[in-house]
Amino acid sequence: MKPTFKNLLITAGVAGAMFSGSLLADISLNIQVDAPPPPPRHEVVIESGRPGPDYVWVDGYWDGAPGHYVWSAGHWDRPPHANAHWIAPHWERDHDGHYHQIRGEWRN
């Protein structure tokens, strides 16, 4: 099957979001999957890997790719300000039975 321009843009966007983290927080991709996401993977957090005292661990999650899920590993991240807390991404099911991802974000 020949890739379409739309599929290439979606794939590039998902890959970019996985590698750029919060830099792409304002970009919204509408990924739709017909099955619920798998259970979260268990990740071992190595405290000695923390880059600095102001970093917090952001758990991994199931990200979306066209028609399936891709695990995005947890990572250390620096909150944008002192009172910020991470709202994890999650999946919501619509009235047609499709799952749509709600992106994670830092909030006050």
Protein backbone atom coordinates (compact mmCIF):
# COMPACT_ATOMS: atom_id res chain seq x y z
CA MET A 1 0.00 0.00 0.00
CA LYS A 2 1.39 3.40 -1.01
CA PRO A 3 1.59 5.85 1.91
CA THR A 4 -0.56 8.96 1.56
CA PHE A 5 0.57 12.46 2.41
CA LYS A 6 -1.91 12.53 5.33
CA ASN A 7 -0.49 9.28 6.79
CA LEU A 8 3.05 10.62 6.45
CA LEU A 9 2.08 13.81 8.31
CA ILE A 10 0.39 11.84 11.10
CA THR A 11 3.38 9.50 11.44
CA ALA A 12 5.83 12.42 11.47
CA GLY A 13 3.71 14.20 14.08
CA VAL A 14 3.53 11.18 16.38
CA ALA A 15 7.29 10.57 16.07
CA GLY A 16 8.04 14.23 16.69
CA ALA A 17 5.78 14.34 19.74
CA MET A 18 7.48 11.28 21.19
CA PHE A 19 10.94 12.86 20.88
CA SER A 20 10.12 16.49 21.60
CA GLY A 21 7.97 16.12 24.70
CA SER A 22 6.43 19.34 25.89
CA LEU A 23 7.75 21.39 22.94
CA LEU A 24 4.82 20.11 20.90
CA ALA A 25 2.19 20.48 23.62
CA ASP A 26 0.14 22.85 21.45
CA ILE A 27 -0.07 20.44 18.52
CA SER A 28 -3.15 18.24 18.59
CA LEU A 29 -3.38 15.02 16.60
CA ASN A 30 -6.67 13.20 16.36
CA ILE A 31 -5.60 9.58 16.66
CA GLN A 32 -8.45 7.09 16.72
CA VAL A 33 -8.14 3.44 17.77
CA ASP A 34 -11.00 0.94 17.91
CA ALA A 35 -9.74 -1.17 20.85
CA PRO A 36 -9.05 0.01 24.41
CA PRO A 37 -5.42 0.61 25.34
CA PRO A 38 -3.48 -2.21 27.01
CA PRO A 39 -2.71 -1.96 30.74
CA PRO A 40 0.20 0.36 31.56
CA ARG A 41 3.65 -1.20 31.58
CA HIS A 42 5.55 -1.40 34.84
CA GLU A 43 8.62 0.85 34.72
CA VAL A 44 11.39 0.91 37.28
CA VAL A 45 12.36 4.46 38.20
CA ILE A 46 16.07 4.85 38.98
CA GLU A 47 16.30 7.80 41.35
CA SER A 48 20.02 8.20 40.66
CA GLY A 49 19.11 8.99 37.04
CA ARG A 50 17.32 12.21 38.04
CA PRO A 51 18.99 15.07 36.10
CA GLY A 52 18.49 17.56 38.95
CA PRO A 53 16.53 18.15 42.17
CA ASP A 54 13.74 20.06 40.40
CA TYR A 55 12.92 17.20 37.99
CA VAL A 56 9.96 14.86 38.47
CA TRP A 57 9.22 11.46 36.97
CA VAL A 58 6.50 11.45 34.29
CA ASP A 59 5.08 7.92 33.89
CA GLY A 60 5.05 6.20 30.53
CA TYR A 61 1.78 5.82 28.65
CA TRP A 62 0.22 4.25 25.59
CA ASP A 63 0.48 6.78 22.77
CA GLY A 64 -1.48 6.50 19.55
CA ALA A 65 -0.36 5.69 16.07
CA PRO A 66 -2.75 5.21 13.17
CA GLY A 67 -4.83 2.17 14.16
CA HIS A 68 -2.74 0.95 17.12
CA TYR A 69 -0.94 1.87 20.34
CA VAL A 70 2.77 2.57 20.88
CA TRP A 71 4.37 2.66 24.34
CA SER A 72 5.98 6.00 25.20
CA ALA A 73 8.46 5.38 28.02
CA GLY A 74 8.46 7.43 31.21
CA HIS A 75 11.05 10.15 31.61
CA TRP A 76 12.37 12.83 33.92
CA ASP A 77 10.89 16.26 33.19
CA ARG A 78 11.20 19.71 34.71
CA PRO A 79 7.86 21.36 35.54
CA PRO A 80 7.41 24.76 33.87
CA HIS A 81 7.00 26.44 37.29
CA ALA A 82 7.01 25.58 40.99
CA ASN A 83 3.26 24.86 41.40
CA ALA A 84 2.81 22.83 38.22
CA HIS A 85 1.66 19.21 38.35
CA TRP A 86 1.46 16.69 35.53
CA ILE A 87 -1.91 15.51 34.23
CA ALA A 88 -1.21 12.18 32.53
CA PRO A 89 -2.50 11.48 29.04
CA HIS A 90 -5.44 9.10 28.83
CA TRP A 91 -7.88 7.60 26.37
CA GLU A 92 -11.61 8.31 26.19
CA ARG A 93 -14.19 6.25 24.34
CA ASP A 94 -16.68 8.12 22.15
CA HIS A 95 -20.31 7.21 21.41
CA ASP A 96 -19.21 5.23 18.32
CA GLY A 97 -16.89 3.01 20.38
CA HIS A 98 -13.64 4.60 19.16
CA TYR A 99 -10.90 5.65 21.56
CA HIS A 100 -9.37 9.12 21.33
CA GLN A 101 -6.33 10.29 23.24
CA ILE A 102 -6.46 13.24 25.60
CA ARG A 103 -2.90 14.58 25.70
CA GLY A 104 -1.01 15.06 28.96
CA GLU A 105 -0.21 18.55 30.19
CA TRP A 106 1.27 20.58 33.01
CA ARG A 107 -1.32 22.46 35.08
CA ASN A 108 -1.24 24.87 38.03
